[in-house]
N, C-alpha and C. Protein backbone atom coordinates (compact mmCIF):
# COMPACT_ATOMS: atom_id res chain seq x y z
N UNK A 1 -34.96 6.46 28.80
CA UNK A 1 -35.31 7.88 28.48
C UNK A 1 -34.06 8.75 28.76
N UNK A 2 -33.43 8.47 29.94
CA UNK A 2 -32.23 9.21 30.30
C UNK A 2 -31.16 9.15 29.30
N UNK A 3 -31.01 7.96 28.73
CA UNK A 3 -29.94 7.72 27.64
C UNK A 3 -30.19 8.61 26.43
N UNK A 4 -31.46 8.62 26.07
CA UNK A 4 -31.78 9.51 24.89
C UNK A 4 -31.44 10.95 25.11
N UNK A 5 -31.84 11.44 26.42
CA UNK A 5 -31.53 12.91 26.63
C UNK A 5 -29.95 13.11 26.69
N UNK A 6 -29.15 12.18 27.11
CA UNK A 6 -27.73 12.38 27.15
C UNK A 6 -27.22 12.40 25.64
N UNK A 7 -27.79 11.55 24.83
CA UNK A 7 -27.25 11.49 23.44
C UNK A 7 -27.65 12.74 22.67
N UNK A 8 -28.80 13.31 22.92
CA UNK A 8 -29.19 14.56 22.32
C UNK A 8 -28.40 15.74 22.88
N UNK A 9 -28.01 15.68 24.10
CA UNK A 9 -27.34 16.74 24.65
C UNK A 9 -25.80 16.91 24.19
N UNK A 10 -25.32 15.79 23.81
CA UNK A 10 -23.96 15.83 23.06
C UNK A 10 -24.07 16.61 21.80
N UNK A 11 -24.98 16.25 21.09
CA UNK A 11 -25.27 16.91 19.74
C UNK A 11 -24.27 16.35 18.73
N UNK A 12 -24.27 16.98 17.58
CA UNK A 12 -23.40 16.47 16.55
C UNK A 12 -21.94 16.86 16.73
N UNK A 13 -21.57 17.88 17.54
CA UNK A 13 -20.27 18.22 17.83
C UNK A 13 -19.50 17.14 18.53
N UNK A 14 -20.11 16.35 19.47
CA UNK A 14 -19.45 15.39 20.18
C UNK A 14 -19.05 14.21 19.30
N UNK A 15 -19.88 13.77 18.45
CA UNK A 15 -19.64 12.77 17.44
C UNK A 15 -18.63 13.03 16.30
N UNK A 16 -18.48 14.38 16.09
CA UNK A 16 -17.69 14.86 14.98
C UNK A 16 -16.15 14.49 15.26
N UNK A 17 -15.70 14.57 16.51
CA UNK A 17 -14.37 14.24 16.87
C UNK A 17 -14.05 12.74 16.59
N UNK A 18 -14.89 11.94 17.05
CA UNK A 18 -14.75 10.54 16.89
C UNK A 18 -14.72 10.09 15.38
N UNK A 19 -15.61 10.70 14.64
CA UNK A 19 -15.68 10.38 13.21
C UNK A 19 -14.36 10.89 12.54
N UNK A 20 -13.92 12.04 12.94
CA UNK A 20 -12.66 12.50 12.31
C UNK A 20 -11.47 11.64 12.61
N UNK A 21 -11.35 11.09 13.84
CA UNK A 21 -10.30 10.15 14.26
C UNK A 21 -10.46 8.89 13.47
N UNK A 22 -11.67 8.41 13.28
CA UNK A 22 -11.74 7.18 12.59
C UNK A 22 -11.46 7.27 11.13
N UNK A 23 -11.75 8.51 10.52
CA UNK A 23 -11.45 8.65 9.10
C UNK A 23 -9.96 8.79 8.94
N UNK A 24 -9.21 9.42 9.88
CA UNK A 24 -7.80 9.45 9.78
C UNK A 24 -7.19 8.13 10.04
N UNK A 25 -7.78 7.31 10.90
CA UNK A 25 -7.15 5.98 11.18
C UNK A 25 -7.32 5.13 9.86
N UNK A 26 -8.51 5.22 9.20
CA UNK A 26 -8.71 4.49 8.00
C UNK A 26 -7.79 4.84 6.95
N UNK A 27 -7.62 6.09 6.64
CA UNK A 27 -6.57 6.64 5.67
C UNK A 27 -5.21 6.13 6.02
N UNK A 28 -4.81 6.15 7.30
CA UNK A 28 -3.48 5.68 7.71
C UNK A 28 -3.32 4.19 7.39
N UNK A 29 -4.32 3.43 7.68
CA UNK A 29 -4.25 1.86 7.45
C UNK A 29 -4.16 1.69 5.98
N UNK A 30 -5.00 2.34 5.18
CA UNK A 30 -4.99 2.20 3.76
C UNK A 30 -3.62 2.60 3.17
N UNK A 31 -3.01 3.63 3.63
CA UNK A 31 -1.64 3.99 3.12
C UNK A 31 -0.59 3.04 3.47
N UNK A 32 -0.54 2.57 4.78
CA UNK A 32 0.55 1.71 5.13
C UNK A 32 0.39 0.25 4.64
N UNK A 33 -0.89 -0.25 4.36
CA UNK A 33 -1.11 -1.61 3.82
C UNK A 33 -1.26 -1.63 2.30
N UNK A 34 -1.49 -0.64 1.60
CA UNK A 34 -1.67 -0.63 0.26
C UNK A 34 -0.86 0.28 -0.59
N UNK A 35 -0.74 1.46 -0.27
CA UNK A 35 -0.02 2.43 -1.10
C UNK A 35 1.49 2.28 -0.97
N UNK A 36 1.89 2.24 0.28
CA UNK A 36 3.34 2.25 0.56
C UNK A 36 4.08 0.95 0.04
N UNK A 37 3.51 -0.25 0.22
CA UNK A 37 4.16 -1.37 -0.36
C UNK A 37 4.18 -1.48 -1.90
N UNK A 38 3.06 -0.85 -2.57
CA UNK A 38 3.03 -0.76 -3.94
C UNK A 38 4.19 0.18 -4.51
N UNK A 39 4.48 1.28 -3.78
CA UNK A 39 5.52 2.26 -4.22
C UNK A 39 6.80 1.59 -4.06
N UNK A 40 6.93 0.80 -3.02
CA UNK A 40 8.30 0.14 -2.69
C UNK A 40 8.53 -0.88 -3.89
N UNK A 41 7.52 -1.65 -4.29
CA UNK A 41 7.56 -2.59 -5.27
C UNK A 41 7.93 -1.94 -6.58
N UNK A 42 7.37 -0.82 -6.90
CA UNK A 42 7.62 -0.12 -8.16
C UNK A 42 9.04 0.41 -8.33
N UNK A 43 9.58 0.88 -7.13
CA UNK A 43 10.92 1.37 -7.07
C UNK A 43 11.93 0.14 -7.24
N UNK A 44 11.63 -0.91 -6.71
CA UNK A 44 12.51 -2.11 -6.89
C UNK A 44 12.48 -2.59 -8.46
N UNK A 45 11.34 -2.57 -8.99
CA UNK A 45 11.21 -2.98 -10.35
C UNK A 45 11.98 -1.95 -11.28
N UNK A 46 11.83 -0.65 -11.01
CA UNK A 46 12.55 0.39 -11.77
C UNK A 46 14.06 0.12 -11.66
N UNK A 47 14.57 -0.11 -10.48
CA UNK A 47 16.00 -0.37 -10.13
C UNK A 47 16.54 -1.58 -10.91
N UNK A 48 15.63 -2.69 -11.00
CA UNK A 48 16.07 -3.91 -11.70
C UNK A 48 16.06 -3.63 -13.20
N UNK A 49 15.19 -2.88 -13.73
CA UNK A 49 15.22 -2.45 -15.16
C UNK A 49 16.52 -1.69 -15.58
N UNK A 50 16.88 -0.75 -14.61
CA UNK A 50 18.07 0.03 -14.87
C UNK A 50 19.30 -0.89 -14.81
N UNK A 51 19.30 -1.91 -14.11
CA UNK A 51 20.45 -2.78 -13.99
C UNK A 51 20.64 -3.78 -15.07
N UNK A 52 19.62 -3.89 -15.94
CA UNK A 52 19.70 -4.88 -17.07
C UNK A 52 20.69 -4.47 -18.06
N UNK A 53 21.45 -5.40 -18.55
CA UNK A 53 22.49 -5.20 -19.59
C UNK A 53 22.39 -6.15 -20.70
N UNK A 54 23.18 -5.88 -21.64
CA UNK A 54 23.21 -6.79 -22.95
C UNK A 54 23.56 -8.13 -22.50
N UNK A 55 22.71 -9.10 -22.98
CA UNK A 55 22.97 -10.47 -22.81
C UNK A 55 21.98 -11.06 -21.75
N UNK A 56 21.35 -10.18 -20.98
CA UNK A 56 20.32 -10.66 -19.92
C UNK A 56 19.10 -11.25 -20.69
N UNK A 57 18.55 -12.38 -20.24
CA UNK A 57 17.39 -12.90 -20.61
C UNK A 57 16.19 -12.18 -19.91
N UNK A 58 15.18 -11.84 -20.74
CA UNK A 58 14.08 -11.06 -20.08
C UNK A 58 12.70 -11.62 -20.61
N UNK A 59 11.65 -11.34 -19.81
CA UNK A 59 10.29 -11.63 -20.22
C UNK A 59 9.53 -10.34 -20.23
N UNK A 60 8.81 -10.02 -21.35
CA UNK A 60 8.07 -8.92 -21.37
C UNK A 60 6.68 -9.01 -20.74
N UNK A 61 5.91 -7.96 -20.48
CA UNK A 61 4.64 -8.07 -19.95
C UNK A 61 3.67 -8.81 -20.82
N UNK A 62 4.01 -8.92 -22.09
CA UNK A 62 3.15 -9.71 -23.05
C UNK A 62 3.57 -11.15 -23.10
N UNK A 63 4.56 -11.51 -22.34
CA UNK A 63 4.93 -12.88 -22.27
C UNK A 63 6.04 -13.31 -23.27
N UNK A 64 6.71 -12.33 -24.01
CA UNK A 64 7.62 -12.73 -24.93
C UNK A 64 8.99 -12.87 -24.26
N UNK A 65 9.70 -14.01 -24.52
CA UNK A 65 11.02 -14.34 -23.90
C UNK A 65 12.06 -13.93 -24.97
N UNK A 66 13.15 -13.37 -24.45
CA UNK A 66 14.18 -13.06 -25.34
C UNK A 66 15.48 -12.66 -24.62
N UNK A 67 16.56 -12.21 -25.36
CA UNK A 67 17.77 -11.87 -24.87
C UNK A 67 18.08 -10.41 -25.31
N UNK A 68 18.46 -9.56 -24.29
CA UNK A 68 18.76 -8.17 -24.68
C UNK A 68 20.08 -8.10 -25.52
N UNK A 69 19.88 -7.38 -26.74
CA UNK A 69 21.07 -7.26 -27.54
C UNK A 69 21.57 -5.83 -27.54
N UNK A 70 20.73 -4.92 -27.29
CA UNK A 70 21.12 -3.49 -27.19
C UNK A 70 20.28 -2.72 -26.13
N UNK A 71 20.83 -1.80 -25.46
CA UNK A 71 20.14 -0.94 -24.51
C UNK A 71 20.10 0.48 -24.79
N UNK A 72 18.88 1.10 -24.89
CA UNK A 72 18.83 2.53 -25.17
C UNK A 72 18.26 3.16 -23.90
N UNK A 73 18.04 4.52 -24.05
CA UNK A 73 17.60 5.30 -22.85
C UNK A 73 16.24 4.71 -22.34
N UNK A 74 15.34 4.48 -23.23
CA UNK A 74 13.97 4.14 -22.80
C UNK A 74 13.56 2.77 -23.40
N UNK A 75 14.50 2.17 -24.14
CA UNK A 75 14.09 0.94 -24.87
C UNK A 75 15.19 -0.19 -24.77
N UNK A 76 14.77 -1.40 -25.14
CA UNK A 76 15.72 -2.47 -25.31
C UNK A 76 15.52 -3.09 -26.72
N UNK A 77 16.59 -3.55 -27.27
CA UNK A 77 16.52 -4.36 -28.54
C UNK A 77 16.66 -5.74 -28.06
N UNK A 78 15.63 -6.61 -28.29
CA UNK A 78 15.51 -7.92 -27.71
C UNK A 78 15.49 -8.85 -28.85
N UNK A 79 16.36 -9.91 -28.89
CA UNK A 79 16.34 -10.99 -29.87
C UNK A 79 15.46 -12.14 -29.27
N UNK A 80 14.45 -12.43 -30.16
CA UNK A 80 13.46 -13.46 -29.64
C UNK A 80 13.71 -14.80 -30.32
N UNK A 81 14.40 -14.72 -31.43
CA UNK A 81 14.81 -15.92 -32.12
C UNK A 81 15.94 -15.56 -32.98
N UNK A 82 16.62 -16.50 -33.62
CA UNK A 82 17.85 -16.26 -34.43
C UNK A 82 17.50 -15.24 -35.55
N UNK A 83 18.16 -14.05 -35.40
CA UNK A 83 17.87 -13.07 -36.41
C UNK A 83 16.70 -12.24 -36.30
N UNK A 84 15.85 -12.48 -35.33
CA UNK A 84 14.58 -11.75 -35.10
C UNK A 84 14.78 -10.87 -33.88
N UNK A 85 14.74 -9.55 -34.16
CA UNK A 85 14.95 -8.64 -33.05
C UNK A 85 13.70 -7.64 -33.02
N UNK A 86 13.27 -7.38 -31.83
CA UNK A 86 12.19 -6.36 -31.62
C UNK A 86 12.74 -5.33 -30.66
N UNK A 87 12.22 -4.07 -30.80
CA UNK A 87 12.58 -2.95 -29.92
C UNK A 87 11.36 -2.83 -29.12
N UNK A 88 11.61 -2.84 -27.67
CA UNK A 88 10.48 -2.69 -26.79
C UNK A 88 10.85 -1.61 -25.75
N UNK A 89 9.86 -1.08 -25.16
CA UNK A 89 10.08 -0.08 -24.01
C UNK A 89 10.54 -0.71 -22.82
N UNK A 90 11.39 0.00 -22.11
CA UNK A 90 11.87 -0.61 -20.84
C UNK A 90 10.66 -1.00 -19.82
N UNK A 91 9.68 -0.08 -19.84
CA UNK A 91 8.62 -0.33 -18.97
C UNK A 91 7.79 -1.56 -19.25
N UNK A 92 7.91 -2.22 -20.45
CA UNK A 92 7.24 -3.35 -20.72
C UNK A 92 7.98 -4.64 -20.26
N UNK A 93 9.15 -4.49 -19.86
CA UNK A 93 9.94 -5.72 -19.37
C UNK A 93 9.57 -5.94 -17.94
N UNK A 94 8.97 -7.15 -17.77
CA UNK A 94 8.43 -7.68 -16.53
C UNK A 94 9.46 -8.15 -15.60
N UNK A 95 10.38 -9.05 -16.06
CA UNK A 95 11.47 -9.53 -15.15
C UNK A 95 12.53 -10.23 -16.06
N UNK A 96 13.54 -10.54 -15.35
CA UNK A 96 14.65 -11.25 -16.01
C UNK A 96 14.49 -12.76 -15.75
N UNK A 97 15.16 -13.56 -16.53
CA UNK A 97 15.04 -15.01 -16.29
C UNK A 97 15.63 -15.44 -14.98
N UNK A 98 16.65 -14.75 -14.57
CA UNK A 98 17.26 -15.04 -13.32
C UNK A 98 16.41 -14.75 -12.14
N UNK A 99 15.48 -13.72 -12.35
CA UNK A 99 14.53 -13.47 -11.34
C UNK A 99 13.54 -14.60 -11.23
N UNK A 100 13.13 -15.18 -12.37
CA UNK A 100 12.20 -16.24 -12.41
C UNK A 100 12.70 -17.49 -11.66
N UNK A 101 14.05 -17.79 -11.91
CA UNK A 101 14.65 -18.85 -11.28
C UNK A 101 14.78 -18.73 -9.80
N UNK A 102 14.83 -17.57 -9.23
CA UNK A 102 14.99 -17.29 -7.93
C UNK A 102 13.61 -17.49 -7.19
N UNK A 103 12.57 -17.39 -7.92
CA UNK A 103 11.24 -17.68 -7.23
C UNK A 103 11.02 -18.91 -7.00
């Protein structure tokens, strides 16, 4: 009975501080384990796309393998077979073939 009286004496204000601290801790854990690593990975991918030049072998997000023939501001001209060239967005390039060999 004494425990119940102590719990009601604290009221909702006593539990609010603990709840707020737990909420902040959950947000911090979520940020450091999920959001921050994803942002870092995106920056590395963007940096590797900017470093691609004519002659690099690439794989698109759709699985098309080819060699870069021309580089534009936001696109690549990729040759996928002899005389067959397609223009693709830089954001659709997943990785270079040298990246695949490194894995």
